[in-house]
């Protein structure tokens, strides 16, 4: 017979969420290597078998954490791209989206590291799908910029990789302590400005139009 705490949690339909919340706290405090299904069960007061019914094993727990992280990242990007306040021209939308991405990566550093490692493991279909949905919003934005003449024509995925690599470099330097977090916004603004300037369609003289 299940323990009362487990039965109560299942009744409210939030056992999986409670386990993931506890796992993320453990990830932030101790790192992925220290996460244990048994310890999670003990922390939230359920039977040792309860986490296995949701995640199967430790790898399944880590993948579920990564998937949830990409869903949250996707939601942050969506919120940034659908703001309705003030002027919403293309450069502003790019800047807002990149800023949302960078802040997520820095404010959830341990989770973000796990997300980037988990999507490369074999059999992580749900993680890969969640990652594609999040990054797909940036690809859509690049395609929009190309369609309206704000960006040079080309493979939008390759353009997205260039932008992603730039932001990834900035957030990695912040998360590793190489540069202070107080510089994040300024670096993001500079990176986006440089990206937009360099990616503008070429004018008649072979230089980016608008100069």
N, C-alpha and C. Protein backbone atom coordinates (compact mmCIF):
# COMPACT_ATOMS: atom_id res chain seq x y z
N UNK A 1 0.86 -1.19 0.00
CA UNK A 1 0.00 0.00 0.00
C UNK A 1 0.89 1.24 0.00
N UNK A 2 0.63 2.23 -0.87
CA UNK A 2 1.49 3.40 -0.93
C UNK A 2 1.46 4.20 0.35
N UNK A 3 2.58 4.87 0.61
CA UNK A 3 2.64 5.73 1.78
C UNK A 3 1.68 6.89 1.60
N UNK A 4 1.15 7.45 2.69
CA UNK A 4 0.18 8.54 2.59
C UNK A 4 0.67 9.71 1.77
N UNK A 5 1.96 10.09 1.94
CA UNK A 5 2.47 11.24 1.19
C UNK A 5 2.42 10.98 -0.30
N UNK A 6 2.81 9.75 -0.70
CA UNK A 6 2.78 9.42 -2.12
C UNK A 6 1.36 9.41 -2.64
N UNK A 7 0.44 8.83 -1.87
CA UNK A 7 -0.96 8.76 -2.29
C UNK A 7 -1.53 10.16 -2.44
N UNK A 8 -1.19 11.03 -1.51
CA UNK A 8 -1.70 12.40 -1.57
C UNK A 8 -1.13 13.13 -2.78
N UNK A 9 0.14 12.94 -3.05
CA UNK A 9 0.76 13.60 -4.18
C UNK A 9 0.15 13.13 -5.49
N UNK A 10 -0.04 11.83 -5.61
CA UNK A 10 -0.67 11.30 -6.82
C UNK A 10 -2.08 11.85 -6.97
N UNK A 11 -2.79 11.98 -5.86
CA UNK A 11 -4.17 12.48 -5.92
C UNK A 11 -4.21 13.87 -6.52
N UNK A 12 -3.21 14.70 -6.20
CA UNK A 12 -3.17 16.05 -6.73
C UNK A 12 -2.46 16.12 -8.08
N UNK A 13 -2.00 15.00 -8.56
CA UNK A 13 -1.41 14.96 -9.89
C UNK A 13 -0.10 15.70 -10.02
N UNK A 14 0.62 15.86 -8.94
CA UNK A 14 1.84 16.67 -9.03
C UNK A 14 3.09 15.95 -8.56
N UNK A 15 3.06 14.63 -8.48
CA UNK A 15 4.25 13.92 -8.03
C UNK A 15 5.41 14.13 -8.99
N UNK A 16 5.15 14.00 -10.27
CA UNK A 16 6.22 14.18 -11.26
C UNK A 16 6.81 15.58 -11.17
N UNK A 17 5.94 16.57 -11.05
CA UNK A 17 6.41 17.95 -10.92
C UNK A 17 7.24 18.14 -9.66
N UNK A 18 6.77 17.55 -8.55
CA UNK A 18 7.50 17.67 -7.28
C UNK A 18 8.88 17.02 -7.39
N UNK A 19 8.95 15.88 -8.06
CA UNK A 19 10.23 15.21 -8.25
C UNK A 19 11.18 16.04 -9.11
N UNK A 20 10.65 16.63 -10.18
CA UNK A 20 11.49 17.45 -11.05
C UNK A 20 11.95 18.72 -10.33
N UNK A 21 11.08 19.31 -9.53
CA UNK A 21 11.47 20.50 -8.76
C UNK A 21 12.59 20.16 -7.78
N UNK A 22 12.43 19.03 -7.10
CA UNK A 22 13.46 18.61 -6.14
C UNK A 22 14.77 18.28 -6.87
N UNK A 23 14.64 17.65 -8.03
CA UNK A 23 15.83 17.30 -8.81
C UNK A 23 16.56 18.55 -9.29
N UNK A 24 15.82 19.57 -9.69
CA UNK A 24 16.47 20.80 -10.14
C UNK A 24 17.18 21.50 -8.98
N UNK A 25 16.58 21.47 -7.80
CA UNK A 25 17.26 22.04 -6.63
C UNK A 25 18.56 21.29 -6.36
N UNK A 26 18.49 19.97 -6.43
CA UNK A 26 19.69 19.17 -6.22
C UNK A 26 20.74 19.43 -7.29
N UNK A 27 20.29 19.62 -8.52
CA UNK A 27 21.20 19.93 -9.62
C UNK A 27 21.94 21.23 -9.36
N UNK A 28 21.23 22.23 -8.90
CA UNK A 28 21.84 23.53 -8.63
C UNK A 28 22.81 23.47 -7.45
N UNK A 29 22.46 22.68 -6.45
CA UNK A 29 23.26 22.65 -5.23
C UNK A 29 24.45 21.71 -5.30
N UNK A 30 24.27 20.56 -5.99
CA UNK A 30 25.30 19.51 -5.94
C UNK A 30 25.79 19.04 -7.30
N UNK A 31 25.09 19.39 -8.38
CA UNK A 31 25.49 18.93 -9.70
C UNK A 31 24.78 17.64 -10.10
N UNK A 32 24.82 17.35 -11.39
CA UNK A 32 24.09 16.20 -11.94
C UNK A 32 24.61 14.87 -11.40
N UNK A 33 25.91 14.78 -11.15
CA UNK A 33 26.50 13.51 -10.71
C UNK A 33 25.96 13.05 -9.37
N UNK A 34 25.46 13.97 -8.56
CA UNK A 34 24.99 13.62 -7.22
C UNK A 34 23.49 13.33 -7.17
N UNK A 35 22.79 13.48 -8.29
CA UNK A 35 21.35 13.22 -8.28
C UNK A 35 21.06 11.74 -8.16
N UNK A 36 20.11 11.41 -7.31
CA UNK A 36 19.75 10.02 -7.05
C UNK A 36 18.24 9.91 -6.91
N UNK A 37 17.64 8.91 -7.56
CA UNK A 37 16.21 8.70 -7.44
C UNK A 37 15.82 8.41 -6.00
N UNK A 38 16.65 7.65 -5.32
CA UNK A 38 16.36 7.30 -3.93
C UNK A 38 16.38 8.54 -3.04
N UNK A 39 17.37 9.40 -3.25
CA UNK A 39 17.44 10.63 -2.45
C UNK A 39 16.26 11.55 -2.73
N UNK A 40 15.83 11.62 -3.98
CA UNK A 40 14.67 12.45 -4.33
C UNK A 40 13.42 11.94 -3.64
N UNK A 41 13.24 10.62 -3.66
CA UNK A 41 12.08 10.03 -3.01
C UNK A 41 12.07 10.36 -1.52
N UNK A 42 13.24 10.26 -0.91
CA UNK A 42 13.34 10.55 0.51
C UNK A 42 13.04 12.03 0.79
N UNK A 43 13.52 12.91 -0.07
CA UNK A 43 13.35 14.35 0.15
C UNK A 43 11.89 14.77 0.13
N UNK A 44 11.10 14.21 -0.80
CA UNK A 44 9.71 14.66 -0.88
C UNK A 44 8.75 13.69 -0.18
N UNK A 45 9.30 12.65 0.44
CA UNK A 45 8.49 11.79 1.29
C UNK A 45 7.62 10.79 0.58
N UNK A 46 8.17 10.14 -0.47
CA UNK A 46 7.42 9.09 -1.16
C UNK A 46 8.24 7.81 -1.13
N UNK A 47 7.64 6.73 -1.57
CA UNK A 47 8.35 5.45 -1.58
C UNK A 47 9.49 5.50 -2.58
N UNK A 48 10.49 4.66 -2.38
CA UNK A 48 11.64 4.63 -3.27
C UNK A 48 11.26 4.21 -4.68
N UNK A 49 10.16 3.49 -4.82
CA UNK A 49 9.74 3.03 -6.15
C UNK A 49 9.03 4.12 -6.95
N UNK A 50 8.53 5.14 -6.27
CA UNK A 50 7.71 6.15 -6.95
C UNK A 50 8.44 6.86 -8.09
N UNK A 51 9.68 7.33 -7.90
CA UNK A 51 10.36 8.01 -9.00
C UNK A 51 10.59 7.12 -10.21
N UNK A 52 10.83 5.83 -9.97
CA UNK A 52 11.08 4.92 -11.09
C UNK A 52 9.84 4.75 -11.95
N UNK A 53 8.67 4.89 -11.36
CA UNK A 53 7.45 4.76 -12.16
C UNK A 53 7.29 5.93 -13.12
N UNK A 54 7.94 7.05 -12.82
CA UNK A 54 7.85 8.22 -13.69
C UNK A 54 9.03 8.32 -14.66
N UNK A 55 10.22 7.93 -14.21
CA UNK A 55 11.41 8.18 -15.01
C UNK A 55 12.18 6.92 -15.40
N UNK A 56 11.86 5.81 -14.79
CA UNK A 56 12.55 4.57 -15.12
C UNK A 56 13.87 4.43 -14.40
N UNK A 57 14.79 5.32 -14.69
CA UNK A 57 16.10 5.28 -14.05
C UNK A 57 16.67 6.70 -13.98
N UNK A 58 17.90 6.79 -13.53
CA UNK A 58 18.52 8.11 -13.35
C UNK A 58 18.66 8.85 -14.68
N UNK A 59 19.00 8.12 -15.74
CA UNK A 59 19.12 8.75 -17.05
C UNK A 59 17.78 9.33 -17.49
N UNK A 60 16.71 8.60 -17.20
CA UNK A 60 15.39 9.10 -17.54
C UNK A 60 15.04 10.37 -16.78
N UNK A 61 15.49 10.46 -15.52
CA UNK A 61 15.26 11.67 -14.73
C UNK A 61 16.01 12.85 -15.34
N UNK A 62 17.27 12.64 -15.70
CA UNK A 62 18.06 13.73 -16.28
C UNK A 62 17.47 14.19 -17.61
N UNK A 63 17.00 13.24 -18.41
CA UNK A 63 16.37 13.61 -19.68
C UNK A 63 15.09 14.40 -19.45
N UNK A 64 14.32 14.00 -18.45
CA UNK A 64 13.08 14.72 -18.15
C UNK A 64 13.38 16.14 -17.68
N UNK A 65 14.44 16.30 -16.90
CA UNK A 65 14.87 17.64 -16.47
C UNK A 65 15.26 18.49 -17.66
N UNK A 66 16.03 17.90 -18.57
CA UNK A 66 16.47 18.63 -19.75
C UNK A 66 15.28 19.01 -20.63
N UNK A 67 14.37 18.08 -20.81
CA UNK A 67 13.17 18.37 -21.62
C UNK A 67 12.39 19.53 -21.02
N UNK A 68 12.17 19.48 -19.70
CA UNK A 68 11.44 20.56 -19.03
C UNK A 68 12.17 21.89 -19.18
N UNK A 69 13.50 21.84 -19.16
CA UNK A 69 14.29 23.05 -19.34
C UNK A 69 14.08 23.66 -20.71
N UNK A 70 14.07 22.83 -21.75
CA UNK A 70 13.86 23.35 -23.10
C UNK A 70 12.44 23.89 -23.27
N UNK A 71 11.48 23.27 -22.61
CA UNK A 71 10.11 23.80 -22.66
C UNK A 71 10.07 25.19 -22.04
N UNK A 72 10.74 25.35 -20.91
CA UNK A 72 10.79 26.67 -20.26
C UNK A 72 11.54 27.69 -21.11
N UNK A 73 12.63 27.26 -21.72
CA UNK A 73 13.37 28.16 -22.61
C UNK A 73 12.49 28.59 -23.77
N UNK A 74 11.76 27.63 -24.34
CA UNK A 74 10.85 27.95 -25.44
C UNK A 74 9.79 28.95 -25.02
N UNK A 75 9.28 28.80 -23.81
CA UNK A 75 8.27 29.73 -23.30
C UNK A 75 8.86 31.12 -23.12
N UNK A 76 10.11 31.19 -22.65
CA UNK A 76 10.77 32.48 -22.47
C UNK A 76 10.99 33.17 -23.81
N UNK A 77 11.39 32.41 -24.82
CA UNK A 77 11.57 32.98 -26.15
C UNK A 77 10.25 33.45 -26.74
N UNK A 78 9.22 32.65 -26.54
CA UNK A 78 7.89 33.02 -27.06
C UNK A 78 7.42 34.32 -26.42
N UNK A 79 7.60 34.44 -25.12
CA UNK A 79 7.19 35.66 -24.42
C UNK A 79 7.95 36.87 -24.95
N UNK A 80 9.25 36.68 -25.20
CA UNK A 80 10.07 37.79 -25.71
C UNK A 80 9.65 38.19 -27.12
N UNK A 81 9.27 37.22 -27.92
CA UNK A 81 8.94 37.49 -29.32
C UNK A 81 7.53 38.01 -29.52
N UNK A 82 6.70 37.86 -28.52
CA UNK A 82 5.29 38.27 -28.66
C UNK A 82 4.94 39.45 -27.76
N UNK A 83 5.94 40.16 -27.27
CA UNK A 83 5.66 41.37 -26.49
C UNK A 83 4.85 42.35 -27.33
N UNK A 84 4.00 43.09 -26.68
CA UNK A 84 3.15 44.06 -27.39
C UNK A 84 3.41 45.49 -26.96
N UNK A 85 4.40 45.68 -26.08
CA UNK A 85 4.66 47.03 -25.58
C UNK A 85 5.65 47.76 -26.48
N UNK A 86 5.37 48.98 -26.80
CA UNK A 86 6.31 49.83 -27.52
C UNK A 86 6.57 49.40 -28.95
N UNK A 87 7.68 49.90 -29.49
CA UNK A 87 8.07 49.62 -30.87
C UNK A 87 8.58 48.19 -30.99
N UNK A 88 8.06 47.45 -31.95
CA UNK A 88 8.42 46.04 -32.08
C UNK A 88 9.00 45.77 -33.46
N UNK A 89 10.01 46.55 -33.86
CA UNK A 89 10.63 46.31 -35.16
C UNK A 89 11.51 45.06 -35.08
N UNK A 90 12.05 44.65 -36.21
CA UNK A 90 12.81 43.40 -36.27
C UNK A 90 14.04 43.42 -35.36
N UNK A 91 14.88 44.44 -35.39
CA UNK A 91 16.04 44.44 -34.48
C UNK A 91 15.65 44.33 -33.01
N UNK A 92 14.56 44.97 -32.63
CA UNK A 92 14.12 44.90 -31.24
C UNK A 92 13.71 43.48 -30.87
N UNK A 93 13.02 42.81 -31.77
CA UNK A 93 12.58 41.44 -31.50
C UNK A 93 13.77 40.50 -31.39
N UNK A 94 14.76 40.69 -32.26
CA UNK A 94 15.97 39.86 -32.17
C UNK A 94 16.67 40.10 -30.84
N UNK A 95 16.81 41.36 -30.48
CA UNK A 95 17.49 41.70 -29.22
C UNK A 95 16.74 41.12 -28.02
N UNK A 96 15.43 41.24 -28.02
CA UNK A 96 14.65 40.71 -26.90
C UNK A 96 14.77 39.19 -26.80
N UNK A 97 14.74 38.51 -27.95
CA UNK A 97 14.82 37.05 -27.95
C UNK A 97 16.20 36.59 -27.48
N UNK A 98 17.25 37.21 -27.99
CA UNK A 98 18.61 36.83 -27.59
C UNK A 98 18.83 37.13 -26.11
N UNK A 99 18.30 38.25 -25.64
CA UNK A 99 18.41 38.59 -24.22
C UNK A 99 17.70 37.55 -23.35
N UNK A 100 16.51 37.14 -23.77
CA UNK A 100 15.77 36.12 -23.02
C UNK A 100 16.55 34.82 -22.96
N UNK A 101 17.15 34.44 -24.08
CA UNK A 101 17.94 33.22 -24.14
C UNK A 101 19.14 33.32 -23.20
N UNK A 102 19.86 34.44 -23.29
CA UNK A 102 21.07 34.60 -22.48
C UNK A 102 20.75 34.60 -20.99
N UNK A 103 19.69 35.29 -20.61
CA UNK A 103 19.33 35.34 -19.19
C UNK A 103 18.89 33.96 -18.69
N UNK A 104 18.18 33.21 -19.51
CA UNK A 104 17.81 31.85 -19.10
C UNK A 104 19.06 31.03 -18.85
N UNK A 105 20.02 31.10 -19.77
CA UNK A 105 21.24 30.30 -19.66
C UNK A 105 22.05 30.66 -18.43
N UNK A 106 22.07 31.93 -18.06
CA UNK A 106 22.86 32.37 -16.91
C UNK A 106 22.12 32.14 -15.60
N UNK A 107 20.83 32.38 -15.60
CA UNK A 107 20.05 32.23 -14.37
C UNK A 107 19.76 30.76 -14.03
N UNK A 108 19.93 29.88 -15.00
CA UNK A 108 19.72 28.44 -14.80
C UNK A 108 20.95 27.68 -15.29
N UNK A 109 22.12 28.09 -14.82
CA UNK A 109 23.37 27.61 -15.39
C UNK A 109 23.51 26.09 -15.33
N UNK A 110 23.21 25.48 -14.19
CA UNK A 110 23.37 24.03 -14.06
C UNK A 110 22.39 23.29 -14.96
N UNK A 111 21.15 23.76 -14.99
CA UNK A 111 20.14 23.15 -15.85
C UNK A 111 20.52 23.32 -17.31
N UNK A 112 20.99 24.49 -17.68
CA UNK A 112 21.36 24.76 -19.07
C UNK A 112 22.50 23.85 -19.52
N UNK A 113 23.46 23.62 -18.65
CA UNK A 113 24.56 22.70 -18.98
C UNK A 113 24.02 21.29 -19.21
N UNK A 114 23.11 20.87 -18.36
CA UNK A 114 22.50 19.55 -18.52
C UNK A 114 21.71 19.47 -19.82
N UNK A 115 20.97 20.52 -20.15
CA UNK A 115 20.18 20.54 -21.38
C UNK A 115 21.08 20.33 -22.60
N UNK A 116 22.20 21.01 -22.63
CA UNK A 116 23.08 20.93 -23.79
C UNK A 116 23.79 19.59 -23.90
N UNK A 117 23.98 18.91 -22.78
CA UNK A 117 24.61 17.59 -22.84
C UNK A 117 23.59 16.50 -23.11
N UNK A 118 22.38 16.65 -22.58
CA UNK A 118 21.37 15.59 -22.70
C UNK A 118 20.85 15.43 -24.12
N UNK A 119 20.78 16.51 -24.88
CA UNK A 119 20.18 16.41 -26.22
C UNK A 119 21.04 15.60 -27.18
N UNK A 120 22.29 15.29 -26.78
CA UNK A 120 23.18 14.52 -27.64
C UNK A 120 23.22 13.04 -27.27
N UNK A 121 22.49 12.63 -26.23
CA UNK A 121 22.48 11.23 -25.83
C UNK A 121 21.54 10.43 -26.73
N UNK A 122 21.92 9.20 -27.06
CA UNK A 122 21.04 8.36 -27.88
C UNK A 122 19.70 8.12 -27.18
N UNK A 123 18.64 8.14 -27.95
CA UNK A 123 17.32 7.81 -27.41
C UNK A 123 16.62 8.93 -26.71
N UNK A 124 17.16 10.15 -26.77
CA UNK A 124 16.52 11.27 -26.07
C UNK A 124 15.60 12.02 -27.04
N UNK A 125 14.63 11.32 -27.59
CA UNK A 125 13.75 11.91 -28.60
C UNK A 125 12.98 13.10 -28.07
N UNK A 126 12.44 12.98 -26.87
CA UNK A 126 11.63 14.07 -26.32
C UNK A 126 12.48 15.30 -26.04
N UNK A 127 13.71 15.08 -25.60
CA UNK A 127 14.62 16.21 -25.36
C UNK A 127 14.93 16.91 -26.67
N UNK A 128 15.26 16.11 -27.69
CA UNK A 128 15.59 16.67 -29.00
C UNK A 128 14.42 17.44 -29.57
N UNK A 129 13.23 16.89 -29.40
CA UNK A 129 12.02 17.55 -29.92
C UNK A 129 11.77 18.87 -29.20
N UNK A 130 11.95 18.89 -27.88
CA UNK A 130 11.74 20.12 -27.12
C UNK A 130 12.79 21.17 -27.49
N UNK A 131 14.03 20.73 -27.71
CA UNK A 131 15.08 21.66 -28.11
C UNK A 131 14.78 22.25 -29.48
N UNK A 132 14.33 21.40 -30.41
CA UNK A 132 14.01 21.87 -31.76
C UNK A 132 12.87 22.88 -31.73
N UNK A 133 11.89 22.65 -30.87
CA UNK A 133 10.75 23.58 -30.77
C UNK A 133 11.21 24.94 -30.25
N UNK A 134 12.12 24.93 -29.28
CA UNK A 134 12.63 26.19 -28.73
C UNK A 134 13.44 26.95 -29.77
N UNK A 135 14.42 26.27 -30.36
CA UNK A 135 15.29 26.94 -31.33
C UNK A 135 14.57 27.25 -32.63
N UNK A 136 13.51 26.50 -32.91
CA UNK A 136 12.74 26.75 -34.12
C UNK A 136 12.16 28.16 -34.15
N UNK A 137 11.90 28.71 -32.99
CA UNK A 137 11.37 30.08 -32.93
C UNK A 137 12.41 31.08 -33.44
N UNK A 138 13.67 30.83 -33.15
CA UNK A 138 14.73 31.71 -33.65
C UNK A 138 14.90 31.55 -35.15
N UNK A 139 14.78 30.33 -35.64
CA UNK A 139 14.87 30.10 -37.09
C UNK A 139 13.73 30.82 -37.80
N UNK A 140 12.54 30.74 -37.22
CA UNK A 140 11.39 31.45 -37.80
C UNK A 140 11.65 32.95 -37.84
N UNK A 141 12.27 33.48 -36.79
CA UNK A 141 12.56 34.91 -36.74
C UNK A 141 13.57 35.29 -37.83
N UNK A 142 14.57 34.46 -38.02
CA UNK A 142 15.56 34.72 -39.07
C UNK A 142 14.91 34.68 -40.45
N UNK A 143 14.05 33.71 -40.68
CA UNK A 143 13.33 33.63 -41.95
C UNK A 143 12.48 34.87 -42.18
N UNK A 144 11.89 35.37 -41.11
CA UNK A 144 11.09 36.60 -41.20
C UNK A 144 11.98 37.77 -41.61
N UNK A 145 13.15 37.87 -40.99
CA UNK A 145 14.07 38.94 -41.34
C UNK A 145 14.54 38.86 -42.78
N UNK A 146 14.77 37.65 -43.26
CA UNK A 146 15.17 37.47 -44.65
C UNK A 146 14.04 37.85 -45.60
N UNK A 147 12.83 37.47 -45.24
CA UNK A 147 11.68 37.75 -46.10
C UNK A 147 11.42 39.25 -46.23
N UNK A 148 11.75 40.01 -45.18
CA UNK A 148 11.48 41.45 -45.19
C UNK A 148 12.72 42.28 -45.53
N UNK A 149 13.79 41.61 -45.94
CA UNK A 149 14.97 42.34 -46.38
C UNK A 149 15.87 42.84 -45.28
N UNK A 150 15.64 42.42 -44.05
CA UNK A 150 16.49 42.87 -42.95
C UNK A 150 17.76 42.03 -42.83
N UNK A 151 17.74 40.80 -43.36
CA UNK A 151 18.88 39.91 -43.32
C UNK A 151 19.19 39.40 -44.72
N UNK A 152 20.46 39.13 -44.97
CA UNK A 152 20.89 38.54 -46.23
C UNK A 152 20.25 37.17 -46.41
N UNK A 153 19.92 36.83 -47.65
CA UNK A 153 19.36 35.51 -47.93
C UNK A 153 20.41 34.43 -47.67
N UNK A 154 19.95 33.25 -47.33
CA UNK A 154 20.84 32.14 -47.05
C UNK A 154 20.13 31.11 -46.21
N UNK A 155 20.84 30.06 -45.85
CA UNK A 155 20.27 29.00 -45.03
C UNK A 155 19.97 29.56 -43.64
N UNK A 156 18.69 29.67 -43.26
CA UNK A 156 18.36 30.28 -41.96
C UNK A 156 18.92 29.48 -40.79
N UNK A 157 19.08 28.18 -40.96
CA UNK A 157 19.63 27.38 -39.86
C UNK A 157 21.10 27.72 -39.64
N UNK A 158 21.85 27.91 -40.72
CA UNK A 158 23.25 28.28 -40.58
C UNK A 158 23.39 29.66 -39.95
N UNK A 159 22.53 30.58 -40.37
CA UNK A 159 22.55 31.92 -39.76
C UNK A 159 22.24 31.81 -38.27
N UNK A 160 21.26 30.96 -37.94
CA UNK A 160 20.90 30.76 -36.54
C UNK A 160 22.04 30.18 -35.73
N UNK A 161 22.81 29.27 -36.33
CA UNK A 161 23.95 28.67 -35.63
C UNK A 161 24.99 29.73 -35.30
N UNK A 162 25.23 30.66 -36.24
CA UNK A 162 26.19 31.73 -35.99
C UNK A 162 25.74 32.58 -34.80
N UNK A 163 24.46 32.95 -34.79
CA UNK A 163 23.93 33.75 -33.69
C UNK A 163 23.98 32.96 -32.38
N UNK A 164 23.60 31.68 -32.45
CA UNK A 164 23.61 30.83 -31.26
C UNK A 164 25.03 30.70 -30.71
N UNK A 165 26.01 30.50 -31.60
CA UNK A 165 27.39 30.33 -31.16
C UNK A 165 27.90 31.57 -30.43
N UNK A 166 27.49 32.73 -30.92
CA UNK A 166 27.92 33.98 -30.29
C UNK A 166 27.35 34.09 -28.87
N UNK A 167 26.05 33.85 -28.75
CA UNK A 167 25.40 33.95 -27.44
C UNK A 167 25.91 32.86 -26.50
N UNK A 168 26.13 31.67 -27.06
CA UNK A 168 26.65 30.57 -26.25
C UNK A 168 28.01 30.93 -25.68
N UNK A 169 28.84 31.57 -26.49
CA UNK A 169 30.15 31.98 -26.01
C UNK A 169 30.05 32.98 -24.86
N UNK A 170 29.15 33.94 -25.00
CA UNK A 170 28.98 34.95 -23.94
C UNK A 170 28.50 34.30 -22.65
N UNK A 171 27.47 33.47 -22.74
CA UNK A 171 26.91 32.87 -21.53
C UNK A 171 27.88 31.88 -20.88
N UNK A 172 28.66 31.18 -21.70
CA UNK A 172 29.66 30.27 -21.14
C UNK A 172 30.71 31.04 -20.35
N UNK A 173 31.12 32.18 -20.88
CA UNK A 173 32.12 33.00 -20.17
C UNK A 173 31.55 33.56 -18.87
N UNK A 174 30.28 33.93 -18.88
CA UNK A 174 29.65 34.41 -17.65
C UNK A 174 29.53 33.27 -16.64
N UNK A 175 29.02 32.13 -17.09
CA UNK A 175 28.79 31.01 -16.18
C UNK A 175 30.09 30.44 -15.61
N UNK A 176 31.18 30.58 -16.34
CA UNK A 176 32.47 30.07 -15.85
C UNK A 176 33.21 31.09 -15.00
N UNK A 177 32.65 32.31 -14.90
CA UNK A 177 33.28 33.34 -14.09
C UNK A 177 34.36 34.13 -14.81
N UNK A 178 34.52 33.91 -16.11
CA UNK A 178 35.54 34.64 -16.86
C UNK A 178 35.18 36.12 -16.99
N UNK A 179 33.87 36.40 -17.07
CA UNK A 179 33.41 37.79 -17.07
C UNK A 179 32.24 37.89 -16.10
N UNK A 180 32.01 39.07 -15.57
CA UNK A 180 30.96 39.26 -14.58
C UNK A 180 29.58 39.27 -15.20
N UNK A 181 28.60 38.78 -14.44
CA UNK A 181 27.22 38.73 -14.92
C UNK A 181 26.66 40.12 -15.18
N UNK A 182 27.24 41.14 -14.53
CA UNK A 182 26.74 42.50 -14.74
C UNK A 182 27.01 43.00 -16.16
N UNK A 183 27.88 42.31 -16.89
CA UNK A 183 28.20 42.72 -18.26
C UNK A 183 27.32 42.03 -19.29
N UNK A 184 26.46 41.13 -18.84
CA UNK A 184 25.68 40.31 -19.78
C UNK A 184 24.86 41.15 -20.74
N UNK A 185 24.06 42.07 -20.23
CA UNK A 185 23.17 42.84 -21.10
C UNK A 185 23.95 43.67 -22.12
N UNK A 186 25.03 44.29 -21.69
CA UNK A 186 25.83 45.09 -22.61
C UNK A 186 26.44 44.24 -23.71
N UNK A 187 26.94 43.07 -23.35
CA UNK A 187 27.54 42.18 -24.34
C UNK A 187 26.50 41.65 -25.31
N UNK A 188 25.31 41.34 -24.80
CA UNK A 188 24.24 40.87 -25.68
C UNK A 188 23.86 41.96 -26.67
N UNK A 189 23.72 43.18 -26.20
CA UNK A 189 23.37 44.29 -27.09
C UNK A 189 24.42 44.48 -28.17
N UNK A 190 25.70 44.42 -27.77
CA UNK A 190 26.78 44.56 -28.75
C UNK A 190 26.76 43.42 -29.76
N UNK A 191 26.57 42.20 -29.27
CA UNK A 191 26.56 41.03 -30.15
C UNK A 191 25.42 41.12 -31.16
N UNK A 192 24.24 41.51 -30.70
CA UNK A 192 23.10 41.60 -31.61
C UNK A 192 23.32 42.71 -32.63
N UNK A 193 23.84 43.85 -32.20
CA UNK A 193 24.10 44.95 -33.13
C UNK A 193 25.10 44.53 -34.20
N UNK A 194 26.17 43.84 -33.79
CA UNK A 194 27.17 43.38 -34.75
C UNK A 194 26.58 42.34 -35.70
N UNK A 195 25.76 41.45 -35.15
CA UNK A 195 25.14 40.42 -35.98
C UNK A 195 24.24 41.05 -37.04
N UNK A 196 23.38 41.96 -36.61
CA UNK A 196 22.45 42.59 -37.55
C UNK A 196 23.18 43.41 -38.60
N UNK A 197 24.24 44.08 -38.19
CA UNK A 197 25.01 44.87 -39.15
C UNK A 197 25.70 43.97 -40.18
N UNK A 198 26.29 42.90 -39.70
CA UNK A 198 27.00 42.00 -40.61
C UNK A 198 26.10 41.16 -41.48
N UNK A 199 24.87 40.93 -41.04
CA UNK A 199 23.95 40.05 -41.78
C UNK A 199 23.01 40.81 -42.70
N UNK A 200 23.16 42.15 -42.76
CA UNK A 200 22.30 42.92 -43.66
C UNK A 200 22.61 42.58 -45.11
N UNK A 201 21.61 42.68 -45.98
CA UNK A 201 21.86 42.43 -47.41
C UNK A 201 22.92 43.38 -47.95
N UNK A 202 23.74 42.90 -48.88
CA UNK A 202 24.78 43.73 -49.46
C UNK A 202 24.18 44.77 -50.39
N UNK A 203 24.70 45.99 -50.31
CA UNK A 203 24.25 47.06 -51.18
C UNK A 203 24.97 47.02 -52.52
N UNK A 204 24.76 48.02 -53.37
CA UNK A 204 25.35 48.04 -54.71
C UNK A 204 26.88 48.02 -54.69
N UNK A 205 27.50 48.57 -53.66
CA UNK A 205 28.95 48.63 -53.60
C UNK A 205 29.56 47.43 -52.88
N UNK A 206 28.72 46.44 -52.57
CA UNK A 206 29.24 45.24 -51.92
C UNK A 206 29.38 45.35 -50.43
N UNK A 207 28.81 46.40 -49.84
CA UNK A 207 28.82 46.53 -48.38
C UNK A 207 27.40 46.42 -47.88
N UNK A 208 27.20 46.07 -46.59
CA UNK A 208 25.84 45.93 -46.06
C UNK A 208 25.03 47.18 -46.33
N UNK A 209 23.81 47.00 -46.83
CA UNK A 209 22.95 48.13 -47.14
C UNK A 209 22.59 48.89 -45.89
N UNK A 210 22.33 50.17 -46.02
CA UNK A 210 21.96 50.99 -44.88
C UNK A 210 23.12 51.74 -44.28
N UNK A 211 24.37 51.45 -44.77
CA UNK A 211 25.51 52.20 -44.25
C UNK A 211 25.63 53.53 -44.98
